[in-house]
Amino acid sequence: MAARLQALARTITGPGLAASTASRPILAATTRNAQIQQQHRMASSTTAEVRKYEWLVVIPDKPGMMAKRLEVRPQHFEGLTKAKESGLFKMGGAILEDMPADDEVSSMKFAGSTVIVVAESRQAVVDALKDDVYVKSGVWDLEKAMIWPAKIAFRFP
């Protein structure tokens, strides 16, 4: 078989190149086949990345928690910074009872919050919310939270 391949190589490339190049195509094909098999083994041995979705969360405050909300608000914002940087939270803000007279926090009547959370499941969203100081301190009513998977159509800065 090798003699046939060398004869074929001499026919194609000429007598001077036949000896040095006859086995290269076979070697290249064998090497490429080994690479493909290795890639296949690697691809089938790794687990697929878990798909994450955006979730729209509307979470009410418990009645009478305005003072506690304002007290723990700085800690809440510290946690939000970490959640935002990690990609867990995409957007969020307060829900107000009425239009505020001004931009002073003390003049706002908070009703709860809304958040866009990126997670693989509803339970993962609930677990993320449980870590927030508003849940831990009793401001948010987690049992009344409304959580929907969402497909956000547009965003503006």
C-alpha atoms as a PDB file:
ATOM      1  CA  MET A   1       0.000   0.000   0.000  1.00  0.00           C
ATOM      2  CA  ALA A   2       2.781   2.425   0.897  1.00  0.00           C
ATOM      3  CA  ALA A   3       4.525   1.663  -2.408  1.00  0.00           C
ATOM      4  CA  ARG A   4       1.327   2.466  -4.308  1.00  0.00           C
ATOM      5  CA  LEU A   5       0.942   5.781  -2.468  1.00  0.00           C
ATOM      6  CA  GLN A   6       4.556   6.709  -3.185  1.00  0.00           C
ATOM      7  CA  ALA A   7       4.090   5.864  -6.876  1.00  0.00           C
ATOM      8  CA  LEU A   8       0.951   7.988  -6.951  1.00  0.00           C
ATOM      9  CA  ALA A   9       2.796  10.810  -5.215  1.00  0.00           C
ATOM     10  CA  ARG A  10       5.630  10.601  -7.808  1.00  0.00           C
ATOM     11  CA  THR A  11       3.045  10.826 -10.555  1.00  0.00           C
ATOM     12  CA  ILE A  12       1.437  13.918  -9.013  1.00  0.00           C
ATOM     13  CA  THR A  13       4.479  15.751  -7.642  1.00  0.00           C
ATOM     14  CA  GLY A  14       7.392  14.436  -9.644  1.00  0.00           C
ATOM     15  CA  PRO A  15      10.190  12.090  -8.544  1.00  0.00           C
ATOM     16  CA  GLY A  16      12.109  14.579  -6.378  1.00  0.00           C
ATOM     17  CA  LEU A  17       9.230  15.425  -4.042  1.00  0.00           C
ATOM     18  CA  ALA A  18       7.589  12.022  -3.839  1.00  0.00           C
ATOM     19  CA  ALA A  19       9.694  10.608  -1.018  1.00  0.00           C
ATOM     20  CA  SER A  20       9.322  13.622   1.251  1.00  0.00           C
ATOM     21  CA  THR A  21       5.631  14.360   0.652  1.00  0.00           C
ATOM     22  CA  ALA A  22       3.966  11.019  -0.002  1.00  0.00           C
ATOM     23  CA  SER A  23       2.926  10.390   3.585  1.00  0.00           C
ATOM     24  CA  ARG A  24       1.949  13.972   4.479  1.00  0.00           C
ATOM     25  CA  PRO A  25      -1.676  13.825   3.267  1.00  0.00           C
ATOM     26  CA  ILE A  26      -2.269  10.600   5.171  1.00  0.00           C
ATOM     27  CA  LEU A  27      -0.584  11.976   8.284  1.00  0.00           C
ATOM     28  CA  ALA A  28      -2.586  15.205   8.032  1.00  0.00           C
ATOM     29  CA  ALA A  29      -5.847  13.297   7.603  1.00  0.00           C
ATOM     30  CA  THR A  30      -5.023  11.015  10.534  1.00  0.00           C
ATOM     31  CA  THR A  31      -4.070  13.981  12.725  1.00  0.00           C
ATOM     32  CA  ARG A  32      -7.239  15.893  11.779  1.00  0.00           C
ATOM     33  CA  ASN A  33      -9.382  12.821  12.497  1.00  0.00           C
ATOM     34  CA  ALA A  34      -7.765  12.508  15.934  1.00  0.00           C
ATOM     35  CA  GLN A  35      -8.426  16.208  16.603  1.00  0.00           C
ATOM     36  CA  ILE A  36     -12.093  15.843  15.669  1.00  0.00           C
ATOM     37  CA  GLN A  37     -12.456  12.785  17.903  1.00  0.00           C
ATOM     38  CA  GLN A  38     -10.811  14.659  20.803  1.00  0.00           C
ATOM     39  CA  GLN A  39     -13.106  17.659  20.330  1.00  0.00           C
ATOM     40  CA  HIS A  40     -16.116  15.351  20.278  1.00  0.00           C
ATOM     41  CA  ARG A  41     -15.002  13.673  23.521  1.00  0.00           C
ATOM     42  CA  MET A  42     -14.484  17.068  25.159  1.00  0.00           C
ATOM     43  CA  ALA A  43     -17.848  18.387  23.967  1.00  0.00           C
ATOM     44  CA  SER A  44     -19.752  15.332  25.147  1.00  0.00           C
ATOM     45  CA  SER A  45     -18.003  15.232  28.521  1.00  0.00           C
ATOM     46  CA  THR A  46     -18.773  18.824  29.503  1.00  0.00           C
ATOM     47  CA  THR A  47     -22.165  19.783  30.826  1.00  0.00           C
ATOM     48  CA  ALA A  48     -24.250  22.281  28.943  1.00  0.00           C
ATOM     49  CA  GLU A  49     -24.468  25.728  30.468  1.00  0.00           C
ATOM     50  CA  VAL A  50     -27.719  26.269  32.350  1.00  0.00           C
ATOM     51  CA  ARG A  51     -29.987  28.627  30.449  1.00  0.00           C
ATOM     52  CA  LYS A  52     -30.959  31.728  32.379  1.00  0.00           C
ATOM     53  CA  TYR A  53     -34.038  33.868  31.880  1.00  0.00           C
ATOM     54  CA  GLU A  54     -35.110  37.332  32.882  1.00  0.00           C
ATOM     55  CA  TRP A  55     -37.789  37.424  35.540  1.00  0.00           C
ATOM     56  CA  LEU A  56     -40.043  40.374  36.341  1.00  0.00           C
ATOM     57  CA  VAL A  57     -40.509  40.630  40.089  1.00  0.00           C
ATOM     58  CA  VAL A  58     -43.032  42.853  41.851  1.00  0.00           C
ATOM     59  CA  ILE A  59     -42.625  42.581  45.600  1.00  0.00           C
ATOM     60  CA  PRO A  60     -44.777  44.583  48.011  1.00  0.00           C
ATOM     61  CA  ASP A  61     -43.643  46.094  51.266  1.00  0.00           C
ATOM     62  CA  LYS A  62     -45.280  44.835  54.430  1.00  0.00           C
ATOM     63  CA  PRO A  63     -47.581  47.436  56.019  1.00  0.00           C
ATOM     64  CA  GLY A  64     -45.948  49.924  58.375  1.00  0.00           C
ATOM     65  CA  MET A  65     -42.364  49.237  57.264  1.00  0.00           C
ATOM     66  CA  MET A  66     -41.421  52.712  55.978  1.00  0.00           C
ATOM     67  CA  ALA A  67     -39.087  53.497  58.902  1.00  0.00           C
ATOM     68  CA  LYS A  68     -37.364  50.096  58.650  1.00  0.00           C
ATOM     69  CA  ARG A  69     -37.019  50.491  54.852  1.00  0.00           C
ATOM     70  CA  LEU A  70     -35.233  53.822  55.291  1.00  0.00           C
ATOM     71  CA  GLU A  71     -33.076  52.423  58.111  1.00  0.00           C
ATOM     72  CA  VAL A  72     -31.710  49.489  56.074  1.00  0.00           C
ATOM     73  CA  ARG A  73     -31.734  51.256  52.687  1.00  0.00           C
ATOM     74  CA  PRO A  74     -27.929  51.826  52.609  1.00  0.00           C
ATOM     75  CA  GLN A  75     -27.346  48.085  53.169  1.00  0.00           C
ATOM     76  CA  HIS A  76     -29.922  47.317  50.458  1.00  0.00           C
ATOM     77  CA  PHE A  77     -28.025  49.477  47.961  1.00  0.00           C
ATOM     78  CA  GLU A  78     -24.719  47.784  48.873  1.00  0.00           C
ATOM     79  CA  GLY A  79     -26.291  44.427  48.037  1.00  0.00           C
ATOM     80  CA  LEU A  80     -27.776  45.805  44.829  1.00  0.00           C
ATOM     81  CA  THR A  81     -24.355  46.915  43.641  1.00  0.00           C
ATOM     82  CA  LYS A  82     -23.007  43.373  44.027  1.00  0.00           C
ATOM     83  CA  ALA A  83     -26.076  41.827  42.368  1.00  0.00           C
ATOM     84  CA  LYS A  84     -25.878  44.276  39.470  1.00  0.00           C
ATOM     85  CA  GLU A  85     -22.152  43.692  38.916  1.00  0.00           C
ATOM     86  CA  SER A  86     -22.663  39.912  38.913  1.00  0.00           C
ATOM     87  CA  GLY A  87     -25.465  40.192  36.333  1.00  0.00           C
ATOM     88  CA  LEU A  88     -28.115  38.881  38.737  1.00  0.00           C
ATOM     89  CA  PHE A  89     -30.148  42.115  38.720  1.00  0.00           C
ATOM     90  CA  LYS A  90     -30.688  44.043  35.484  1.00  0.00           C
ATOM     91  CA  MET A  91     -33.056  46.759  36.678  1.00  0.00           C
ATOM     92  CA  GLY A  92     -34.966  47.702  39.755  1.00  0.00           C
ATOM     93  CA  GLY A  93     -36.642  50.439  41.703  1.00  0.00           C
ATOM     94  CA  ALA A  94     -39.311  51.430  44.157  1.00  0.00           C
ATOM     95  CA  ILE A  95     -43.041  51.320  43.596  1.00  0.00           C
ATOM     96  CA  LEU A  96     -44.728  54.377  45.082  1.00  0.00           C
ATOM     97  CA  GLU A  97     -48.263  54.817  46.443  1.00  0.00           C
ATOM     98  CA  ASP A  98     -48.580  58.300  44.931  1.00  0.00           C
ATOM     99  CA  MET A  99     -46.639  60.783  42.852  1.00  0.00           C
ATOM    100  CA  PRO A 100     -44.099  62.356  45.226  1.00  0.00           C
ATOM    101  CA  ALA A 101     -44.133  66.104  45.819  1.00  0.00           C
ATOM    102  CA  ASP A 102     -40.351  66.197  45.283  1.00  0.00           C
ATOM    103  CA  ASP A 103     -37.331  63.916  44.933  1.00  0.00           C
ATOM    104  CA  GLU A 104     -36.666  63.646  48.662  1.00  0.00           C
ATOM    105  CA  VAL A 105     -36.809  60.036  49.835  1.00  0.00           C
ATOM    106  CA  SER A 106     -38.526  61.080  53.060  1.00  0.00           C
ATOM    107  CA  SER A 107     -41.508  62.458  51.117  1.00  0.00           C
ATOM    108  CA  MET A 108     -42.078  59.248  49.135  1.00  0.00           C
ATOM    109  CA  LYS A 109     -44.708  56.702  50.131  1.00  0.00           C
ATOM    110  CA  PHE A 110     -43.177  53.343  49.234  1.00  0.00           C
ATOM    111  CA  ALA A 111     -45.429  50.424  48.294  1.00  0.00           C
ATOM    112  CA  GLY A 112     -42.764  47.909  47.302  1.00  0.00           C
ATOM    113  CA  SER A 113     -40.215  47.282  44.589  1.00  0.00           C
ATOM    114  CA  THR A 114     -39.839  45.929  41.096  1.00  0.00           C
ATOM    115  CA  VAL A 115     -36.768  44.075  39.864  1.00  0.00           C
ATOM    116  CA  ILE A 116     -35.603  42.297  36.721  1.00  0.00           C
ATOM    117  CA  VAL A 117     -33.651  39.240  37.891  1.00  0.00           C
ATOM    118  CA  VAL A 118     -31.595  36.928  35.655  1.00  0.00           C
ATOM    119  CA  ALA A 119     -31.833  33.339  36.887  1.00  0.00           C
ATOM    120  CA  GLU A 120     -32.400  29.774  35.716  1.00  0.00           C
ATOM    121  CA  SER A 121     -35.610  29.207  37.698  1.00  0.00           C
ATOM    122  CA  ARG A 122     -38.297  30.820  39.813  1.00  0.00           C
ATOM    123  CA  GLN A 123     -36.738  29.191  42.885  1.00  0.00           C
ATOM    124  CA  ALA A 124     -33.380  30.780  42.057  1.00  0.00           C
ATOM    125  CA  VAL A 125     -35.144  34.165  41.955  1.00  0.00           C
ATOM    126  CA  VAL A 126     -36.736  33.535  45.357  1.00  0.00           C
ATOM    127  CA  ASP A 127     -33.369  32.450  46.771  1.00  0.00           C
ATOM    128  CA  ALA A 128     -31.739  35.646  45.474  1.00  0.00           C
ATOM    129  CA  LEU A 129     -34.474  37.784  47.016  1.00  0.00           C
ATOM    130  CA  LYS A 130     -34.070  36.012  50.371  1.00  0.00           C
ATOM    131  CA  ASP A 131     -30.497  37.335  50.497  1.00  0.00           C
ATOM    132  CA  ASP A 132     -31.669  40.959  50.323  1.00  0.00           C
ATOM    133  CA  VAL A 133     -31.730  42.968  53.539  1.00  0.00           C
ATOM    134  CA  TYR A 134     -35.293  44.098  52.750  1.00  0.00           C
ATOM    135  CA  VAL A 135     -36.449  40.474  53.116  1.00  0.00           C
ATOM    136  CA  LYS A 136     -34.178  39.725  56.081  1.00  0.00           C
ATOM    137  CA  SER A 137     -35.364  42.814  57.969  1.00  0.00           C
ATOM    138  CA  GLY A 138     -39.049  42.246  57.157  1.00  0.00           C
ATOM    139  CA  VAL A 139     -39.578  45.172  54.739  1.00  0.00           C
ATOM    140  CA  TRP A 140     -40.514  43.092  51.684  1.00  0.00           C
ATOM    141  CA  ASP A 141     -43.409  40.629  51.855  1.00  0.00           C
ATOM    142  CA  LEU A 142     -41.783  37.730  50.012  1.00  0.00           C
ATOM    143  CA  GLU A 143     -44.906  35.550  50.317  1.00  0.00           C
ATOM    144  CA  LYS A 144     -46.848  38.084  48.218  1.00  0.00           C
ATOM    145  CA  ALA A 145     -44.137  38.588  45.604  1.00  0.00           C
ATOM    146  CA  MET A 146     -45.290  38.214  42.007  1.00  0.00           C
ATOM    147  CA  ILE A 147     -42.663  36.602  39.785  1.00  0.00           C
ATOM    148  CA  TRP A 148     -43.040  36.081  36.042  1.00  0.00           C
ATOM    149  CA  PRO A 149     -40.609  34.898  33.382  1.00  0.00           C
ATOM    150  CA  ALA A 150     -40.286  37.842  30.991  1.00  0.00           C
ATOM    151  CA  LYS A 151     -39.066  38.489  27.487  1.00  0.00           C
ATOM    152  CA  ILE A 152     -37.917  42.109  27.521  1.00  0.00           C
ATOM    153  CA  ALA A 153     -38.543  43.617  24.076  1.00  0.00           C
ATOM    154  CA  PHE A 154     -36.529  46.831  24.394  1.00  0.00           C
ATOM    155  CA  ARG A 155     -34.286  48.802  26.725  1.00  0.00           C
ATOM    156  CA  PHE A 156     -33.225  52.397  26.789  1.00  0.00           C
ATOM    157  CA  PRO A 157     -30.445  53.854  28.911  1.00  0.00           C
END
